[in-house]
């Protein structure tokens, strides 16, 4: 697997971007993953349990190639397939992808229709493979207001894979972090109003359990493609202590080697969670 076009273009400036941003993967290492003969490589550290990805840059990828935006989204679906396979190979337990935000409804109706069409194709064509690979699908985000066909596909994906025990693929669809927190607050407020709990019982754990991601550990690593350095209303509560890695490549160019590089960068971080450095001697 060769280095992708985006990696070659950025390689010369990656070191400078890393120094400026502090979180950008050096894509000089985002090349082929060595396999086959040769010296035995050192054992790789265990992968982070939960990797979340903000899949950004489909439209810009297409624009740079004078292609319609829908082609960028179609290639983005192919990148999702690669990411799932990479997560399984690397031993990631949870992979969360930001597929469609609450704010994406503001896009032109034709583009929204294209995105919904790609979602339907993904579920219909890929669900059997996901199920065959023991992947459990979990959907987070608001279900209210979705068309019956889309809501039915989401329900089907969850129901068919509910008993699987391998990778959990969390798809954030019609999702916004602030909106999720708002729903949780309303749920807890109703519980207080009904007398099922007191205000004093509302703590961090209660809020966590009221979120869409209840039962799912917080992300260890958040990857964002296309070089943008924004959270974009993604897992606002859950990513309080996540490590962020910004990848300059557009999402359709994100491949197995780049997944490796992002995880390698994660392992170079010193996660202190507000305490002293765990790497101090």
Protein backbone atom coordinates (compact mmCIF):
# COMPACT_ATOMS: atom_id res chain seq x y z
CA UNK A 1 0.00 0.00 0.00
CA UNK A 2 1.75 3.19 -1.15
CA UNK A 3 1.69 6.58 0.45
CA UNK A 4 -1.39 8.48 -0.66
CA UNK A 5 -1.28 11.73 -2.64
CA UNK A 6 -2.19 13.88 0.36
CA UNK A 7 0.65 12.41 2.41
CA UNK A 8 3.23 13.15 -0.30
CA UNK A 9 2.07 16.74 -0.64
CA UNK A 10 2.15 17.38 3.11
CA UNK A 11 5.34 15.51 3.98
CA UNK A 12 7.60 18.53 3.47
CA UNK A 13 5.58 20.72 5.85
CA UNK A 14 4.34 18.12 8.35
CA UNK A 15 7.12 18.78 10.86
CA UNK A 16 6.34 22.48 10.94
CA UNK A 17 2.61 21.85 11.33
CA UNK A 18 3.25 19.42 14.15
CA UNK A 19 5.34 21.99 15.99
CA UNK A 20 2.73 24.70 15.48
CA UNK A 21 -0.36 22.66 16.32
CA UNK A 22 1.13 20.14 18.70
CA UNK A 23 -1.27 17.44 17.54
CA UNK A 24 -0.62 16.82 13.85
CA UNK A 25 0.59 13.42 12.74
CA UNK A 26 3.94 13.48 10.95
CA UNK A 27 2.79 11.88 7.72
CA UNK A 28 6.33 10.98 6.79
CA UNK A 29 5.49 7.89 8.88
CA UNK A 30 2.13 7.43 7.13
CA UNK A 31 3.62 5.17 4.47
CA UNK A 32 3.42 1.46 3.74
CA UNK A 33 2.91 -0.90 6.66
CA UNK A 34 5.83 -3.31 6.53
CA UNK A 35 4.95 -6.98 6.22
CA UNK A 36 6.59 -10.14 4.97
CA UNK A 37 10.31 -10.95 5.17
CA UNK A 38 12.95 -8.88 6.92
CA UNK A 39 13.86 -8.25 10.55
CA UNK A 40 11.19 -9.09 13.07
CA UNK A 41 9.55 -5.79 14.09
CA UNK A 42 9.27 -4.85 17.73
CA UNK A 43 5.88 -5.71 19.27
CA UNK A 44 3.40 -2.88 18.84
CA UNK A 45 1.79 -1.43 21.97
CA UNK A 46 -1.84 -2.33 22.49
CA UNK A 47 -4.23 -0.18 20.49
CA UNK A 48 -6.39 2.34 22.35
CA UNK A 49 -9.65 0.72 23.36
CA UNK A 50 -11.84 3.43 21.79
CA UNK A 51 -10.95 5.45 18.70
CA UNK A 52 -13.33 8.14 17.44
CA UNK A 53 -12.99 9.73 14.01
CA UNK A 54 -14.26 13.04 12.65
CA UNK A 55 -14.35 12.18 8.96
CA UNK A 56 -13.71 15.52 7.27
CA UNK A 57 -12.80 16.63 3.76
CA UNK A 58 -14.96 14.64 1.34
CA UNK A 59 -16.14 17.74 -0.50
CA UNK A 60 -12.70 19.32 -0.74
CA UNK A 61 -11.23 16.02 -1.92
CA UNK A 62 -13.74 16.03 -4.78
CA UNK A 63 -13.31 19.74 -5.56
CA UNK A 64 -9.54 19.36 -5.99
CA UNK A 65 -10.23 16.69 -8.60
CA UNK A 66 -13.05 18.57 -10.35
CA UNK A 67 -15.46 15.84 -9.29
CA UNK A 68 -19.00 16.23 -7.90
CA UNK A 69 -19.28 16.30 -4.12
CA UNK A 70 -21.21 13.03 -4.12
CA UNK A 71 -18.10 11.30 -5.49
CA UNK A 72 -16.17 12.56 -2.49
CA UNK A 73 -18.84 11.14 -0.20
CA UNK A 74 -18.79 7.83 -2.09
CA UNK A 75 -15.03 7.58 -1.67
CA UNK A 76 -15.56 8.49 1.97
CA UNK A 77 -17.72 5.39 2.40
CA UNK A 78 -14.84 3.33 1.02
CA UNK A 79 -12.59 4.93 3.65
CA UNK A 80 -15.08 3.88 6.33
CA UNK A 81 -14.76 0.28 5.16
CA UNK A 82 -10.97 0.53 5.37
CA UNK A 83 -11.14 2.08 8.84
CA UNK A 84 -13.36 -0.73 10.14
CA UNK A 85 -10.97 -3.36 8.80
CA UNK A 86 -8.01 -1.49 10.28
CA UNK A 87 -9.70 -1.21 13.67
CA UNK A 88 -10.33 -4.95 13.71
CA UNK A 89 -6.75 -5.73 12.69
CA UNK A 90 -5.26 -3.33 15.24
CA UNK A 91 -7.38 -4.66 18.08
CA UNK A 92 -9.50 -1.56 18.70
CA UNK A 93 -12.59 -2.44 20.75
CA UNK A 94 -14.76 0.60 19.88
CA UNK A 95 -14.68 2.70 16.73
CA UNK A 96 -16.95 5.74 16.59
CA UNK A 97 -17.45 7.57 13.29
CA UNK A 98 -19.11 10.97 12.88
CA UNK A 99 -21.24 10.19 9.86
CA UNK A 100 -23.92 12.92 9.88
CA UNK A 101 -24.23 15.77 12.33
CA UNK A 102 -27.32 17.61 13.52
CA UNK A 103 -26.03 20.63 11.61
CA UNK A 104 -25.60 18.73 8.32
CA UNK A 105 -29.33 19.15 7.62
CA UNK A 106 -28.43 22.73 6.59
CA UNK A 107 -26.72 21.43 3.46
CA UNK A 108 -28.45 21.62 0.05
CA UNK A 109 -31.34 19.14 -0.28
CA UNK A 110 -29.68 17.39 -3.23
CA UNK A 111 -26.54 16.69 -1.19
CA UNK A 112 -28.59 15.44 1.77
CA UNK A 113 -30.44 13.09 -0.59
CA UNK A 114 -27.09 11.80 -1.88
CA UNK A 115 -25.86 11.23 1.67
CA UNK A 116 -29.01 9.37 2.65
CA UNK A 117 -28.69 7.23 -0.46
CA UNK A 118 -25.11 6.34 0.46
CA UNK A 119 -26.20 5.46 3.98
CA UNK A 120 -28.84 3.10 2.61
CA UNK A 121 -26.30 1.45 0.31
CA UNK A 122 -23.79 1.09 3.12
CA UNK A 123 -26.27 -0.66 5.39
CA UNK A 124 -27.66 -2.90 2.66
CA UNK A 125 -24.29 -3.88 1.20
CA UNK A 126 -22.05 -3.89 4.28
CA UNK A 127 -24.27 -5.09 7.10
CA UNK A 128 -23.79 -8.75 6.19
CA UNK A 129 -20.00 -8.35 6.14
CA UNK A 130 -20.03 -6.47 9.45
CA UNK A 131 -22.19 -9.19 10.97
CA UNK A 132 -19.94 -11.88 9.53
CA UNK A 133 -16.92 -10.19 11.14
CA UNK A 134 -18.64 -10.21 14.55
CA UNK A 135 -19.02 -6.39 14.54
CA UNK A 136 -21.72 -4.90 16.74
CA UNK A 137 -23.33 -1.74 15.37
CA UNK A 138 -24.54 0.97 17.74
CA UNK A 139 -26.25 4.16 16.52
CA UNK A 140 -26.11 7.36 18.56
CA UNK A 141 -28.00 10.56 17.82
CA UNK A 142 -31.59 11.72 17.71
CA UNK A 143 -34.07 9.39 16.02
CA UNK A 144 -37.00 11.81 16.15
CA UNK A 145 -37.95 13.25 12.78
CA UNK A 146 -36.05 10.72 10.69
CA UNK A 147 -37.85 9.24 7.71
CA UNK A 148 -39.30 5.78 8.27
CA UNK A 149 -36.92 4.11 5.82
CA UNK A 150 -33.80 5.60 7.41
CA UNK A 151 -34.99 4.88 10.95
CA UNK A 152 -35.81 1.32 9.91
CA UNK A 153 -32.33 0.75 8.49
CA UNK A 154 -30.70 2.03 11.68
CA UNK A 155 -32.90 -0.23 13.79
CA UNK A 156 -32.11 -3.19 11.54
CA UNK A 157 -28.35 -2.63 11.78
CA UNK A 158 -28.50 -2.58 15.58
CA UNK A 159 -30.90 -5.50 15.93
CA UNK A 160 -29.04 -7.81 13.55
CA UNK A 161 -25.64 -7.29 15.20
CA UNK A 162 -26.71 -6.88 18.83
CA UNK A 163 -25.31 -10.22 19.93
CA UNK A 164 -21.90 -9.79 18.31
CA UNK A 165 -18.86 -9.60 20.57
CA UNK A 166 -16.10 -8.16 18.38
CA UNK A 167 -15.51 -4.55 17.42
CA UNK A 168 -18.33 -2.17 18.35
CA UNK A 169 -18.91 0.26 15.49
CA UNK A 170 -20.63 3.35 16.86
CA UNK A 171 -22.22 5.46 14.12
CA UNK A 172 -23.02 9.02 15.14
CA UNK A 173 -25.97 9.88 12.90
CA UNK A 174 -28.12 13.00 13.25
CA UNK A 175 -25.82 13.61 16.19
CA UNK A 176 -24.67 16.70 18.06
CA UNK A 177 -22.80 16.74 21.35
CA UNK A 178 -24.71 19.68 22.79
CA UNK A 179 -28.02 18.22 21.69
CA UNK A 180 -27.10 14.93 23.35
CA UNK A 181 -26.33 16.70 26.63
CA UNK A 182 -29.61 18.60 26.36
CA UNK A 183 -31.53 15.32 25.97
CA UNK A 184 -29.71 13.91 29.01
CA UNK A 185 -30.49 16.98 31.11
CA UNK A 186 -34.17 16.76 30.19
CA UNK A 187 -34.24 13.05 31.05
CA UNK A 188 -32.75 13.73 34.48
CA UNK A 189 -35.04 16.72 35.05
CA UNK A 190 -38.05 14.54 34.30
CA UNK A 191 -36.80 11.91 36.72
CA UNK A 192 -36.59 14.57 39.43
CA UNK A 193 -40.05 15.90 38.55
CA UNK A 194 -41.47 12.38 38.78
CA UNK A 195 -39.87 11.82 42.17
CA UNK A 196 -37.63 9.02 40.91
CA UNK A 197 -34.46 10.83 41.99
CA UNK A 198 -33.45 13.93 43.89
CA UNK A 199 -31.34 16.82 42.53
CA UNK A 200 -28.56 15.76 44.90
CA UNK A 201 -28.35 12.41 43.10
CA UNK A 202 -27.44 14.07 39.80
CA UNK A 203 -23.69 13.62 39.51
CA UNK A 204 -21.17 12.85 36.80
CA UNK A 205 -22.16 9.19 36.70
CA UNK A 206 -25.86 9.97 36.37
CA UNK A 207 -25.22 12.32 33.47
CA UNK A 208 -22.93 9.80 31.79
CA UNK A 209 -25.60 7.10 32.00
CA UNK A 210 -28.21 9.45 30.52
CA UNK A 211 -26.15 10.04 27.37
CA UNK A 212 -26.50 8.16 24.08
CA UNK A 213 -23.18 6.43 24.77
CA UNK A 214 -24.17 4.80 28.05
CA UNK A 215 -22.25 1.54 28.42
CA UNK A 216 -19.55 2.68 25.98
CA UNK A 217 -16.17 3.80 27.38
CA UNK A 218 -15.02 7.33 26.61
CA UNK A 219 -12.75 7.69 23.56
CA UNK A 220 -9.02 7.43 24.19
CA UNK A 221 -8.12 8.89 20.81
CA UNK A 222 -9.96 11.27 18.48
CA UNK A 223 -8.70 11.51 14.90
CA UNK A 224 -9.76 14.37 12.65
CA UNK A 225 -8.86 14.37 8.98
CA UNK A 226 -8.34 17.28 6.53
CA UNK A 227 -6.17 19.31 8.89
CA UNK A 228 -9.05 21.10 10.60
CA UNK A 229 -8.62 21.57 14.34
CA UNK A 230 -12.20 21.75 15.62
CA UNK A 231 -14.31 19.43 17.74
CA UNK A 232 -17.43 20.31 15.68
CA UNK A 233 -19.91 19.38 18.39
CA UNK A 234 -18.66 15.78 18.49
CA UNK A 235 -18.81 13.77 21.74
CA UNK A 236 -18.55 16.99 23.74
CA UNK A 237 -18.91 15.30 27.13
CA UNK A 238 -17.08 12.06 26.36
CA UNK A 239 -13.85 13.52 24.94
CA UNK A 240 -12.86 15.58 27.98
CA UNK A 241 -9.64 13.58 28.38
CA UNK A 242 -9.20 12.16 24.89
CA UNK A 243 -6.01 12.64 22.90
CA UNK A 244 -6.50 14.48 19.60
CA UNK A 245 -4.56 13.70 16.45
CA UNK A 246 -5.09 15.94 13.43
CA UNK A 247 -4.35 14.29 10.09
CA UNK A 248 -3.81 16.63 7.11
CA UNK A 249 -5.20 14.14 4.60
CA UNK A 250 -8.79 14.40 3.46
CA UNK A 251 -10.99 11.54 4.66
CA UNK A 252 -11.18 9.67 1.30
CA UNK A 253 -7.35 9.36 1.43
CA UNK A 254 -7.28 8.00 4.98
CA UNK A 255 -5.90 4.47 4.82
CA UNK A 256 -4.51 1.70 6.97
CA UNK A 257 -1.07 3.29 7.14
CA UNK A 258 -2.55 6.55 8.39
CA UNK A 259 -4.54 4.71 11.04
CA UNK A 260 -1.25 3.13 12.19
CA UNK A 261 0.45 6.53 12.22
CA UNK A 262 -2.31 8.11 14.30
CA UNK A 263 -2.11 5.32 16.87
CA UNK A 264 1.68 5.59 16.95
CA UNK A 265 1.28 9.29 17.71
CA UNK A 266 -1.22 8.43 20.46
CA UNK A 267 1.36 6.16 22.10
CA UNK A 268 3.87 9.03 22.15
CA UNK A 269 1.51 11.10 24.31
CA UNK A 270 1.75 11.28 28.10
CA UNK A 271 -1.80 10.89 29.42
CA UNK A 272 -1.91 12.46 32.90
CA UNK A 273 -5.68 12.99 33.44
CA UNK A 274 -4.88 16.03 35.57
CA UNK A 275 -2.20 14.26 37.62
CA UNK A 276 1.57 14.04 37.40
CA UNK A 277 3.33 12.63 34.38
CA UNK A 278 3.25 8.86 34.21
CA UNK A 279 6.56 8.96 32.31
CA UNK A 280 8.49 10.88 34.97
CA UNK A 281 11.37 8.99 36.46
